[in-house]
């Protein structure tokens, strides 16, 4: 199960790369970096988002969860992006280190609870 989950996420990252290279400069000019549904399977739906600095976020949702709409997924990515930006702007954070922010963990945990 875990290996198939990793495969799904890695395949989704390949789809992100395809979308980025296919759109080219048009994507760079967009302010909205929500990539939408990347990779639907029987078990999961994988959504993608890419920041202006090319950081990629992926949210995996159980396919049986029909309560989440596209605008709610988009909102989750915005919250995640804003929280990530707060971590990166911290002068005590060293880029490349694991994120050890209680505020960031709280945002992610809250999003996970709301999704179920």
N, C-alpha and C. Protein backbone atom coordinates (compact mmCIF):
# COMPACT_ATOMS: atom_id res chain seq x y z
N UNK A 1 0.83 -1.20 0.00
CA UNK A 1 0.00 0.00 0.00
C UNK A 1 0.87 1.26 0.00
N UNK A 2 1.89 1.25 0.84
CA UNK A 2 2.75 2.42 0.95
C UNK A 2 3.52 2.68 -0.35
N UNK A 3 3.97 1.63 -0.99
CA UNK A 3 4.71 1.79 -2.24
C UNK A 3 3.81 2.36 -3.33
N UNK A 4 2.58 1.89 -3.40
CA UNK A 4 1.66 2.42 -4.42
C UNK A 4 1.34 3.88 -4.15
N UNK A 5 1.28 4.26 -2.87
CA UNK A 5 1.04 5.67 -2.51
C UNK A 5 2.21 6.53 -2.97
N UNK A 6 3.43 6.07 -2.73
CA UNK A 6 4.62 6.80 -3.19
C UNK A 6 4.62 6.92 -4.71
N UNK A 7 4.26 5.85 -5.38
CA UNK A 7 4.18 5.87 -6.85
C UNK A 7 3.18 6.93 -7.32
N UNK A 8 2.03 6.99 -6.66
CA UNK A 8 1.00 7.97 -7.03
C UNK A 8 1.51 9.39 -6.86
N UNK A 9 2.18 9.66 -5.75
CA UNK A 9 2.70 11.01 -5.50
C UNK A 9 3.80 11.36 -6.50
N UNK A 10 4.71 10.44 -6.77
CA UNK A 10 5.79 10.71 -7.72
C UNK A 10 5.25 10.89 -9.14
N UNK A 11 4.25 10.12 -9.50
CA UNK A 11 3.63 10.29 -10.81
C UNK A 11 2.97 11.66 -10.91
N UNK A 12 2.37 12.10 -9.82
CA UNK A 12 1.75 13.42 -9.80
C UNK A 12 2.78 14.52 -9.99
N UNK A 13 3.96 14.35 -9.41
CA UNK A 13 5.02 15.34 -9.60
C UNK A 13 5.47 15.38 -11.06
N UNK A 14 5.44 14.23 -11.72
CA UNK A 14 5.74 14.20 -13.16
C UNK A 14 4.70 14.99 -13.94
N UNK A 15 3.44 14.89 -13.53
CA UNK A 15 2.37 15.64 -14.19
C UNK A 15 2.57 17.14 -13.98
N UNK A 16 3.03 17.52 -12.79
CA UNK A 16 3.33 18.94 -12.52
C UNK A 16 4.39 19.42 -13.51
N UNK A 17 5.46 18.65 -13.67
CA UNK A 17 6.52 19.03 -14.61
C UNK A 17 6.00 19.15 -16.04
N UNK A 18 5.12 18.24 -16.43
CA UNK A 18 4.52 18.31 -17.77
C UNK A 18 3.69 19.57 -17.94
N UNK A 19 2.91 19.90 -16.92
CA UNK A 19 2.07 21.10 -17.00
C UNK A 19 2.92 22.36 -17.07
N UNK A 20 3.99 22.38 -16.31
CA UNK A 20 4.87 23.55 -16.29
C UNK A 20 5.56 23.72 -17.64
N UNK A 21 6.11 22.64 -18.15
CA UNK A 21 6.84 22.74 -19.42
C UNK A 21 5.88 22.96 -20.59
N UNK A 22 4.67 22.46 -20.49
CA UNK A 22 3.70 22.63 -21.57
C UNK A 22 3.17 24.04 -21.66
N UNK A 23 3.02 24.68 -20.52
CA UNK A 23 2.47 26.03 -20.50
C UNK A 23 3.57 27.07 -20.71
N UNK A 24 4.75 26.78 -20.19
CA UNK A 24 5.90 27.66 -20.39
C UNK A 24 5.73 29.03 -19.77
N UNK A 25 5.91 30.06 -20.58
CA UNK A 25 5.88 31.42 -20.07
C UNK A 25 4.49 31.84 -19.62
N UNK A 26 3.47 31.25 -20.17
CA UNK A 26 2.11 31.62 -19.77
C UNK A 26 1.90 31.34 -18.29
N UNK A 27 2.47 30.23 -17.77
CA UNK A 27 2.34 29.91 -16.36
C UNK A 27 3.12 30.91 -15.52
N UNK A 28 4.26 31.33 -15.98
CA UNK A 28 5.07 32.27 -15.23
C UNK A 28 4.37 33.62 -15.09
N UNK A 29 3.53 33.95 -16.04
CA UNK A 29 2.82 35.22 -16.00
C UNK A 29 1.56 35.15 -15.14
N UNK A 30 1.10 33.96 -14.82
CA UNK A 30 -0.11 33.82 -14.04
C UNK A 30 0.15 34.11 -12.57
N UNK A 31 -0.85 34.68 -11.91
CA UNK A 31 -0.74 34.91 -10.48
C UNK A 31 -1.28 33.70 -9.72
N UNK A 32 -2.21 32.98 -10.32
CA UNK A 32 -2.79 31.79 -9.70
C UNK A 32 -1.96 30.58 -10.07
N UNK A 33 -1.40 29.92 -9.09
CA UNK A 33 -0.51 28.81 -9.37
C UNK A 33 -1.12 27.47 -8.98
N UNK A 34 -2.44 27.45 -8.83
CA UNK A 34 -3.14 26.20 -8.55
C UNK A 34 -3.17 25.38 -9.83
N UNK A 35 -2.69 24.16 -9.76
CA UNK A 35 -2.58 23.32 -10.95
C UNK A 35 -3.77 22.38 -11.13
N UNK A 36 -4.63 22.30 -10.13
CA UNK A 36 -5.83 21.48 -10.23
C UNK A 36 -5.57 20.01 -9.99
N UNK A 37 -6.52 19.20 -10.46
CA UNK A 37 -6.42 17.75 -10.30
C UNK A 37 -5.31 17.22 -11.20
N UNK A 38 -4.34 16.56 -10.58
CA UNK A 38 -3.18 16.06 -11.33
C UNK A 38 -3.33 14.61 -11.72
N UNK A 39 -3.78 13.80 -10.77
CA UNK A 39 -3.71 12.36 -10.99
C UNK A 39 -4.82 11.65 -10.20
N UNK A 40 -5.95 11.41 -10.84
CA UNK A 40 -7.01 10.66 -10.13
C UNK A 40 -6.80 9.15 -10.28
N UNK A 41 -6.98 8.43 -9.21
CA UNK A 41 -6.94 6.96 -9.23
C UNK A 41 -8.22 6.46 -8.59
N UNK A 42 -8.35 5.16 -8.48
CA UNK A 42 -9.52 4.59 -7.82
C UNK A 42 -9.55 4.96 -6.34
N UNK A 43 -8.37 5.07 -5.73
CA UNK A 43 -8.29 5.31 -4.29
C UNK A 43 -8.07 6.77 -3.91
N UNK A 44 -7.38 7.52 -4.75
CA UNK A 44 -6.99 8.88 -4.38
C UNK A 44 -7.23 9.87 -5.52
N UNK A 45 -7.32 11.14 -5.11
CA UNK A 45 -7.28 12.26 -6.05
C UNK A 45 -6.10 13.12 -5.60
N UNK A 46 -5.24 13.44 -6.53
CA UNK A 46 -4.04 14.21 -6.20
C UNK A 46 -4.13 15.58 -6.87
N UNK A 47 -4.00 16.63 -6.05
CA UNK A 47 -4.07 18.01 -6.53
C UNK A 47 -2.70 18.66 -6.38
N UNK A 48 -2.41 19.64 -7.23
CA UNK A 48 -1.10 20.27 -7.19
C UNK A 48 -1.15 21.78 -7.17
N UNK A 49 -0.07 22.34 -6.68
CA UNK A 49 0.10 23.79 -6.56
C UNK A 49 1.59 24.06 -6.63
N UNK A 50 1.97 25.14 -7.28
CA UNK A 50 3.38 25.51 -7.35
C UNK A 50 3.52 26.98 -7.03
N UNK A 51 4.46 27.31 -6.14
CA UNK A 51 4.68 28.69 -5.75
C UNK A 51 5.48 29.43 -6.83
N UNK A 52 5.60 30.73 -6.67
CA UNK A 52 6.40 31.53 -7.60
C UNK A 52 7.87 31.13 -7.58
N UNK A 53 8.31 30.59 -6.45
CA UNK A 53 9.70 30.16 -6.34
C UNK A 53 9.88 28.68 -6.69
N UNK A 54 8.89 28.11 -7.37
CA UNK A 54 8.93 26.75 -7.91
C UNK A 54 8.87 25.65 -6.83
N UNK A 55 8.39 25.99 -5.64
CA UNK A 55 8.15 24.98 -4.62
C UNK A 55 6.81 24.33 -4.94
N UNK A 56 6.79 23.00 -4.95
CA UNK A 56 5.58 22.26 -5.33
C UNK A 56 4.91 21.70 -4.09
N UNK A 57 3.59 21.89 -4.03
CA UNK A 57 2.77 21.30 -2.97
C UNK A 57 1.83 20.31 -3.62
N UNK A 58 1.63 19.19 -2.94
CA UNK A 58 0.71 18.16 -3.42
C UNK A 58 -0.22 17.80 -2.27
N UNK A 59 -1.51 17.76 -2.55
CA UNK A 59 -2.49 17.31 -1.57
C UNK A 59 -3.15 16.06 -2.13
N UNK A 60 -3.15 15.02 -1.32
CA UNK A 60 -3.76 13.74 -1.71
C UNK A 60 -5.03 13.56 -0.88
N UNK A 61 -6.14 13.33 -1.57
CA UNK A 61 -7.44 13.18 -0.92
C UNK A 61 -8.00 11.81 -1.30
N UNK A 62 -8.66 11.18 -0.37
CA UNK A 62 -9.32 9.90 -0.64
C UNK A 62 -10.41 10.12 -1.68
N UNK A 63 -10.46 9.27 -2.68
CA UNK A 63 -11.44 9.42 -3.77
C UNK A 63 -12.88 9.33 -3.28
N UNK A 64 -13.09 8.65 -2.18
CA UNK A 64 -14.45 8.53 -1.65
C UNK A 64 -14.93 9.81 -0.98
N UNK A 65 -14.02 10.74 -0.72
CA UNK A 65 -14.38 12.02 -0.10
C UNK A 65 -14.92 12.95 -1.18
N UNK A 66 -16.24 13.02 -1.28
CA UNK A 66 -16.87 13.86 -2.29
C UNK A 66 -17.28 15.22 -1.74
N UNK A 67 -17.03 15.44 -0.44
CA UNK A 67 -17.44 16.70 0.16
C UNK A 67 -16.50 17.86 -0.18
N UNK A 68 -15.25 17.55 -0.54
CA UNK A 68 -14.29 18.61 -0.87
C UNK A 68 -14.49 19.06 -2.31
N UNK A 69 -14.69 20.33 -2.48
CA UNK A 69 -14.85 20.92 -3.81
C UNK A 69 -13.53 21.56 -4.24
N UNK A 70 -13.45 21.89 -5.50
CA UNK A 70 -12.23 22.48 -6.07
C UNK A 70 -11.84 23.77 -5.36
N UNK A 71 -12.82 24.62 -5.05
CA UNK A 71 -12.49 25.88 -4.38
C UNK A 71 -11.98 25.66 -2.96
N UNK A 72 -12.41 24.57 -2.29
CA UNK A 72 -11.90 24.26 -0.97
C UNK A 72 -10.45 23.76 -1.03
N UNK A 73 -10.16 22.97 -2.04
CA UNK A 73 -8.77 22.51 -2.25
C UNK A 73 -7.88 23.71 -2.54
N UNK A 74 -8.35 24.61 -3.37
CA UNK A 74 -7.60 25.83 -3.70
C UNK A 74 -7.33 26.64 -2.43
N UNK A 75 -8.32 26.74 -1.57
CA UNK A 75 -8.17 27.47 -0.31
C UNK A 75 -7.15 26.79 0.60
N UNK A 76 -7.15 25.46 0.61
CA UNK A 76 -6.18 24.72 1.42
C UNK A 76 -4.76 25.02 0.94
N UNK A 77 -4.58 25.06 -0.37
CA UNK A 77 -3.24 25.37 -0.90
C UNK A 77 -2.82 26.79 -0.53
N UNK A 78 -3.75 27.73 -0.58
CA UNK A 78 -3.40 29.11 -0.20
C UNK A 78 -2.96 29.19 1.25
N UNK A 79 -3.69 28.51 2.13
CA UNK A 79 -3.31 28.48 3.55
C UNK A 79 -1.95 27.85 3.74
N UNK A 80 -1.73 26.74 3.06
CA UNK A 80 -0.45 26.06 3.15
C UNK A 80 0.68 26.94 2.63
N UNK A 81 0.45 27.61 1.52
CA UNK A 81 1.45 28.50 0.93
C UNK A 81 1.76 29.66 1.87
N UNK A 82 0.73 30.27 2.45
CA UNK A 82 0.95 31.38 3.37
C UNK A 82 1.74 30.95 4.61
N UNK A 83 1.40 29.79 5.14
CA UNK A 83 2.12 29.28 6.31
C UNK A 83 3.57 28.94 5.96
N UNK A 84 3.77 28.35 4.78
CA UNK A 84 5.12 28.04 4.31
C UNK A 84 5.94 29.32 4.14
N UNK A 85 5.32 30.35 3.60
CA UNK A 85 5.99 31.64 3.42
C UNK A 85 6.41 32.22 4.76
N UNK A 86 5.54 32.11 5.77
CA UNK A 86 5.89 32.59 7.11
C UNK A 86 7.12 31.86 7.65
N UNK A 87 7.20 30.56 7.41
CA UNK A 87 8.37 29.80 7.87
C UNK A 87 9.62 30.27 7.14
N UNK A 88 9.53 30.44 5.83
CA UNK A 88 10.70 30.83 5.04
C UNK A 88 11.17 32.24 5.37
N UNK A 89 10.25 33.10 5.81
CA UNK A 89 10.62 34.48 6.14
C UNK A 89 11.21 34.62 7.54
N UNK A 90 11.16 33.56 8.32
CA UNK A 90 11.74 33.59 9.65
C UNK A 90 13.25 33.71 9.52
N UNK A 91 13.85 34.75 10.12
CA UNK A 91 15.30 34.92 9.97
C UNK A 91 16.13 33.82 10.64
N UNK A 92 15.50 33.04 11.52
CA UNK A 92 16.22 31.97 12.20
C UNK A 92 16.10 30.63 11.47
N UNK A 93 15.34 30.59 10.38
CA UNK A 93 15.20 29.36 9.62
C UNK A 93 16.31 29.29 8.58
N UNK A 94 16.98 28.14 8.50
CA UNK A 94 18.01 27.91 7.48
C UNK A 94 17.38 27.12 6.35
N UNK A 95 17.34 27.68 5.13
CA UNK A 95 16.75 26.95 4.01
C UNK A 95 17.39 25.57 3.84
N UNK A 96 16.55 24.58 3.65
CA UNK A 96 17.01 23.21 3.50
C UNK A 96 16.86 22.40 4.77
N UNK A 97 16.77 23.07 5.92
CA UNK A 97 16.55 22.36 7.17
C UNK A 97 15.10 21.89 7.25
N UNK A 98 14.85 20.83 8.02
CA UNK A 98 13.46 20.42 8.21
C UNK A 98 12.65 21.54 8.87
N UNK A 99 11.39 21.63 8.51
CA UNK A 99 10.53 22.66 9.10
C UNK A 99 10.12 22.20 10.48
N UNK A 100 10.47 23.00 11.48
CA UNK A 100 10.13 22.68 12.86
C UNK A 100 9.35 23.83 13.47
N UNK A 101 8.27 24.18 12.82
CA UNK A 101 7.44 25.29 13.25
C UNK A 101 6.12 24.76 13.80
N UNK A 102 5.80 25.12 15.04
CA UNK A 102 4.54 24.68 15.63
C UNK A 102 3.36 25.30 14.89
N UNK A 103 3.51 26.53 14.43
CA UNK A 103 2.42 27.19 13.69
C UNK A 103 2.16 26.46 12.37
N UNK A 104 3.22 26.10 11.66
CA UNK A 104 3.08 25.37 10.39
C UNK A 104 2.44 24.00 10.64
N UNK A 105 2.93 23.29 11.65
CA UNK A 105 2.36 21.99 11.99
C UNK A 105 0.88 22.10 12.35
N UNK A 106 0.53 23.16 13.05
CA UNK A 106 -0.87 23.37 13.45
C UNK A 106 -1.76 23.60 12.22
N UNK A 107 -1.28 24.39 11.27
CA UNK A 107 -2.05 24.65 10.04
C UNK A 107 -2.26 23.36 9.27
N UNK A 108 -1.20 22.58 9.11
CA UNK A 108 -1.29 21.32 8.36
C UNK A 108 -2.22 20.34 9.08
N UNK A 109 -2.07 20.23 10.39
CA UNK A 109 -2.94 19.32 11.16
C UNK A 109 -4.40 19.72 11.08
N UNK A 110 -4.66 21.00 11.15
CA UNK A 110 -6.03 21.51 11.04
C UNK A 110 -6.62 21.20 9.67
N UNK A 111 -5.82 21.37 8.62
CA UNK A 111 -6.29 21.05 7.27
C UNK A 111 -6.60 19.57 7.15
N UNK A 112 -5.78 18.73 7.74
CA UNK A 112 -6.00 17.29 7.65
C UNK A 112 -7.28 16.88 8.39
N UNK A 113 -7.54 17.48 9.54
CA UNK A 113 -8.73 17.16 10.31
C UNK A 113 -9.98 17.63 9.56
N UNK A 114 -9.93 18.82 8.96
CA UNK A 114 -11.08 19.36 8.25
C UNK A 114 -11.39 18.54 6.99
N UNK A 115 -10.38 17.93 6.40
CA UNK A 115 -10.59 17.15 5.18
C UNK A 115 -11.32 15.85 5.46
N UNK A 116 -11.30 15.40 6.70
CA UNK A 116 -11.98 14.14 7.03
C UNK A 116 -13.24 14.44 7.69
